[in-house]
Amino acid sequence: MNIGEAVKERILELCSERNITINKLGTMSGVTQSTINNIVSGRNNSTTIATIKKLCDGLDITVVEFFSSDVFNHLEQEIK
């Protein structure tokens, strides 16, 4: 799994835990619907930390809490 896939999985995991849609997450965080759709569809594999911070703010979690998930424990090496 690469970092883009892990970010996607984490966003979906957090939405599921809170029983919210990605549309609702966009409203809560101020991140555009198209940006979130691009992340979860895999079209955007290089989400900025600024976008992740906005998502975290909308979810009322820290960036550390966002990355504190098993999905980030076994990432593929990005530089080959």
N, C-alpha and C. Protein backbone atom coordinates (compact mmCIF):
# COMPACT_ATOMS: atom_id res chain seq x y z
N MET A 1 0.85 -1.18 0.00
CA MET A 1 0.00 0.00 0.00
C MET A 1 0.89 1.24 0.00
N ASN A 2 0.54 2.21 -0.84
CA ASN A 2 1.31 3.45 -0.85
C ASN A 2 0.62 4.49 0.02
N ILE A 3 1.23 5.65 0.18
CA ILE A 3 0.72 6.67 1.10
C ILE A 3 -0.65 7.19 0.65
N GLY A 4 -0.85 7.35 -0.66
CA GLY A 4 -2.14 7.82 -1.15
C GLY A 4 -3.26 6.86 -0.81
N GLU A 5 -3.00 5.58 -0.96
CA GLU A 5 -4.00 4.55 -0.62
C GLU A 5 -4.26 4.53 0.88
N ALA A 6 -3.21 4.72 1.68
CA ALA A 6 -3.36 4.72 3.13
C ALA A 6 -4.19 5.92 3.59
N VAL A 7 -3.94 7.09 3.01
CA VAL A 7 -4.72 8.29 3.36
C VAL A 7 -6.19 8.06 3.00
N LYS A 8 -6.43 7.52 1.84
CA LYS A 8 -7.80 7.20 1.41
C LYS A 8 -8.47 6.28 2.41
N GLU A 9 -7.79 5.18 2.77
CA GLU A 9 -8.35 4.22 3.71
C GLU A 9 -8.63 4.85 5.07
N ARG A 10 -7.72 5.72 5.51
CA ARG A 10 -7.90 6.36 6.82
C ARG A 10 -9.11 7.30 6.80
N ILE A 11 -9.27 8.05 5.73
CA ILE A 11 -10.43 8.93 5.63
C ILE A 11 -11.72 8.13 5.66
N LEU A 12 -11.77 7.07 4.89
CA LEU A 12 -12.97 6.23 4.87
C LEU A 12 -13.21 5.58 6.23
N GLU A 13 -12.14 5.17 6.90
CA GLU A 13 -12.25 4.57 8.23
C GLU A 13 -12.84 5.57 9.23
N LEU A 14 -12.33 6.80 9.21
CA LEU A 14 -12.81 7.82 10.14
C LEU A 14 -14.27 8.19 9.87
N CYS A 15 -14.63 8.27 8.59
CA CYS A 15 -16.03 8.56 8.25
C CYS A 15 -16.93 7.43 8.74
N SER A 16 -16.50 6.21 8.56
CA SER A 16 -17.28 5.05 8.99
C SER A 16 -17.45 5.05 10.51
N GLU A 17 -16.36 5.32 11.23
CA GLU A 17 -16.41 5.35 12.70
C GLU A 17 -17.41 6.39 13.20
N ARG A 18 -17.50 7.51 12.48
CA ARG A 18 -18.38 8.61 12.89
C ARG A 18 -19.75 8.56 12.22
N ASN A 19 -19.92 7.56 11.35
CA ASN A 19 -21.17 7.40 10.62
C ASN A 19 -21.53 8.66 9.83
N ILE A 20 -20.52 9.18 9.11
CA ILE A 20 -20.74 10.35 8.25
C ILE A 20 -20.30 10.01 6.83
N THR A 21 -20.85 10.72 5.88
CA THR A 21 -20.46 10.55 4.49
C THR A 21 -19.25 11.43 4.18
N ILE A 22 -18.62 11.16 3.05
CA ILE A 22 -17.52 12.04 2.65
C ILE A 22 -18.05 13.42 2.30
N ASN A 23 -19.30 13.50 1.86
CA ASN A 23 -19.92 14.81 1.62
C ASN A 23 -20.00 15.61 2.91
N LYS A 24 -20.43 14.95 3.98
CA LYS A 24 -20.53 15.60 5.29
C LYS A 24 -19.14 16.02 5.78
N LEU A 25 -18.15 15.18 5.55
CA LEU A 25 -16.78 15.52 5.94
C LEU A 25 -16.33 16.79 5.23
N GLY A 26 -16.66 16.93 3.96
CA GLY A 26 -16.32 18.14 3.23
C GLY A 26 -16.94 19.37 3.87
N THR A 27 -18.20 19.27 4.23
CA THR A 27 -18.89 20.39 4.88
C THR A 27 -18.26 20.72 6.22
N MET A 28 -17.93 19.70 6.99
CA MET A 28 -17.36 19.89 8.32
C MET A 28 -15.96 20.49 8.27
N SER A 29 -15.21 20.16 7.23
CA SER A 29 -13.79 20.54 7.18
C SER A 29 -13.49 21.72 6.26
N GLY A 30 -14.41 22.05 5.39
CA GLY A 30 -14.14 23.12 4.43
C GLY A 30 -13.31 22.67 3.24
N VAL A 31 -13.10 21.38 3.11
CA VAL A 31 -12.38 20.84 1.96
C VAL A 31 -13.41 20.58 0.86
N THR A 32 -13.11 21.00 -0.35
CA THR A 32 -14.09 20.87 -1.43
C THR A 32 -14.43 19.41 -1.70
N GLN A 33 -15.65 19.24 -2.14
CA GLN A 33 -16.14 17.90 -2.47
C GLN A 33 -15.27 17.25 -3.53
N SER A 34 -14.85 18.03 -4.52
CA SER A 34 -14.03 17.46 -5.59
C SER A 34 -12.68 16.98 -5.06
N THR A 35 -12.10 17.71 -4.12
CA THR A 35 -10.82 17.29 -3.54
C THR A 35 -10.98 15.97 -2.80
N ILE A 36 -12.01 15.87 -1.97
CA ILE A 36 -12.22 14.63 -1.22
C ILE A 36 -12.53 13.48 -2.18
N ASN A 37 -13.35 13.74 -3.19
CA ASN A 37 -13.65 12.70 -4.18
C ASN A 37 -12.39 12.23 -4.88
N ASN A 38 -11.51 13.16 -5.22
CA ASN A 38 -10.25 12.79 -5.88
C ASN A 38 -9.37 11.94 -4.97
N ILE A 39 -9.38 12.22 -3.68
CA ILE A 39 -8.59 11.43 -2.73
C ILE A 39 -9.15 10.02 -2.63
N VAL A 40 -10.46 9.90 -2.39
CA VAL A 40 -11.03 8.57 -2.15
C VAL A 40 -11.19 7.74 -3.42
N SER A 41 -11.16 8.40 -4.57
CA SER A 41 -11.23 7.64 -5.83
C SER A 41 -9.85 7.20 -6.30
N GLY A 42 -8.81 7.75 -5.68
CA GLY A 42 -7.45 7.40 -6.08
C GLY A 42 -6.86 8.30 -7.15
N ARG A 43 -7.62 9.31 -7.59
CA ARG A 43 -7.09 10.24 -8.60
C ARG A 43 -6.04 11.19 -8.02
N ASN A 44 -6.09 11.39 -6.70
CA ASN A 44 -5.11 12.24 -6.02
C ASN A 44 -4.35 11.38 -5.04
N ASN A 45 -3.11 11.05 -5.39
CA ASN A 45 -2.27 10.24 -4.51
C ASN A 45 -1.22 11.06 -3.78
N SER A 46 -1.36 12.38 -3.81
CA SER A 46 -0.37 13.23 -3.14
C SER A 46 -1.08 14.35 -2.39
N THR A 47 -1.98 13.96 -1.51
CA THR A 47 -2.72 14.92 -0.70
C THR A 47 -1.75 15.73 0.14
N THR A 48 -1.97 17.03 0.21
CA THR A 48 -1.07 17.88 1.01
C THR A 48 -1.39 17.74 2.49
N ILE A 49 -0.41 18.04 3.30
CA ILE A 49 -0.62 18.01 4.74
C ILE A 49 -1.60 19.10 5.14
N ALA A 50 -1.66 20.20 4.39
CA ALA A 50 -2.63 21.26 4.69
C ALA A 50 -4.06 20.74 4.53
N THR A 51 -4.30 19.93 3.50
CA THR A 51 -5.63 19.33 3.31
C THR A 51 -5.93 18.34 4.42
N ILE A 52 -4.96 17.53 4.78
CA ILE A 52 -5.15 16.57 5.87
C ILE A 52 -5.45 17.31 7.17
N LYS A 53 -4.76 18.42 7.41
CA LYS A 53 -5.00 19.22 8.62
C LYS A 53 -6.43 19.74 8.64
N LYS A 54 -6.93 20.21 7.50
CA LYS A 54 -8.31 20.69 7.43
C LYS A 54 -9.30 19.56 7.73
N LEU A 55 -9.03 18.38 7.18
CA LEU A 55 -9.89 17.23 7.45
C LEU A 55 -9.85 16.90 8.94
N CYS A 56 -8.68 16.94 9.52
CA CYS A 56 -8.54 16.68 10.96
C CYS A 56 -9.31 17.70 11.78
N ASP A 57 -9.21 18.96 11.41
CA ASP A 57 -9.95 20.01 12.12
C ASP A 57 -11.45 19.74 12.06
N GLY A 58 -11.93 19.35 10.88
CA GLY A 58 -13.35 19.04 10.73
C GLY A 58 -13.78 17.85 11.55
N LEU A 59 -12.87 16.89 11.73
CA LEU A 59 -13.16 15.70 12.51
C LEU A 59 -12.84 15.88 14.00
N ASP A 60 -12.27 17.03 14.33
CA ASP A 60 -11.87 17.34 15.71
C ASP A 60 -10.86 16.34 16.24
N ILE A 61 -9.86 16.04 15.38
CA ILE A 61 -8.74 15.19 15.79
C ILE A 61 -7.44 15.90 15.42
N THR A 62 -6.34 15.43 15.98
CA THR A 62 -5.04 15.99 15.62
C THR A 62 -4.47 15.25 14.42
N VAL A 63 -3.47 15.85 13.81
CA VAL A 63 -2.78 15.19 12.70
C VAL A 63 -2.12 13.90 13.20
N VAL A 64 -1.61 13.93 14.42
CA VAL A 64 -1.00 12.73 15.01
C VAL A 64 -2.04 11.62 15.11
N GLU A 65 -3.26 11.96 15.54
CA GLU A 65 -4.32 10.96 15.62
C GLU A 65 -4.68 10.42 14.23
N PHE A 66 -4.65 11.29 13.23
CA PHE A 66 -4.94 10.85 11.87
C PHE A 66 -3.96 9.77 11.44
N PHE A 67 -2.67 10.01 11.67
CA PHE A 67 -1.64 9.08 11.22
C PHE A 67 -1.42 7.92 12.20
N SER A 68 -2.10 7.93 13.33
CA SER A 68 -1.99 6.86 14.31
C SER A 68 -2.98 5.76 13.97
N SER A 69 -2.67 5.05 12.90
CA SER A 69 -3.53 3.98 12.41
C SER A 69 -2.66 2.90 11.79
N ASP A 70 -3.13 1.67 11.89
CA ASP A 70 -2.38 0.55 11.32
C ASP A 70 -2.16 0.68 9.81
N VAL A 71 -3.02 1.42 9.12
CA VAL A 71 -2.86 1.53 7.66
C VAL A 71 -1.53 2.20 7.28
N PHE A 72 -0.94 2.95 8.21
CA PHE A 72 0.33 3.62 7.92
C PHE A 72 1.56 2.82 8.37
N ASN A 73 1.34 1.68 8.97
CA ASN A 73 2.46 0.92 9.52
C ASN A 73 3.29 0.14 8.50
N HIS A 74 2.72 -0.19 7.37
CA HIS A 74 3.43 -1.04 6.40
C HIS A 74 3.36 -0.46 5.00
N LEU A 75 3.74 0.80 4.88
CA LEU A 75 3.72 1.45 3.57
C LEU A 75 4.86 0.96 2.69
N GLU A 76 4.59 0.92 1.39
CA GLU A 76 5.64 0.61 0.42
C GLU A 76 6.65 1.76 0.42
N GLN A 77 7.86 1.45 0.07
CA GLN A 77 8.86 2.50 -0.09
C GLN A 77 8.49 3.31 -1.32
N GLU A 78 8.46 4.62 -1.17
CA GLU A 78 8.04 5.51 -2.27
C GLU A 78 9.16 5.71 -3.30
N ILE A 79 10.41 5.70 -2.85
CA ILE A 79 11.54 5.88 -3.76
C ILE A 79 12.10 4.51 -4.09
N LYS A 80 12.10 4.19 -5.37
CA LYS A 80 12.59 2.88 -5.78
C LYS A 80 13.74 3.01 -6.74
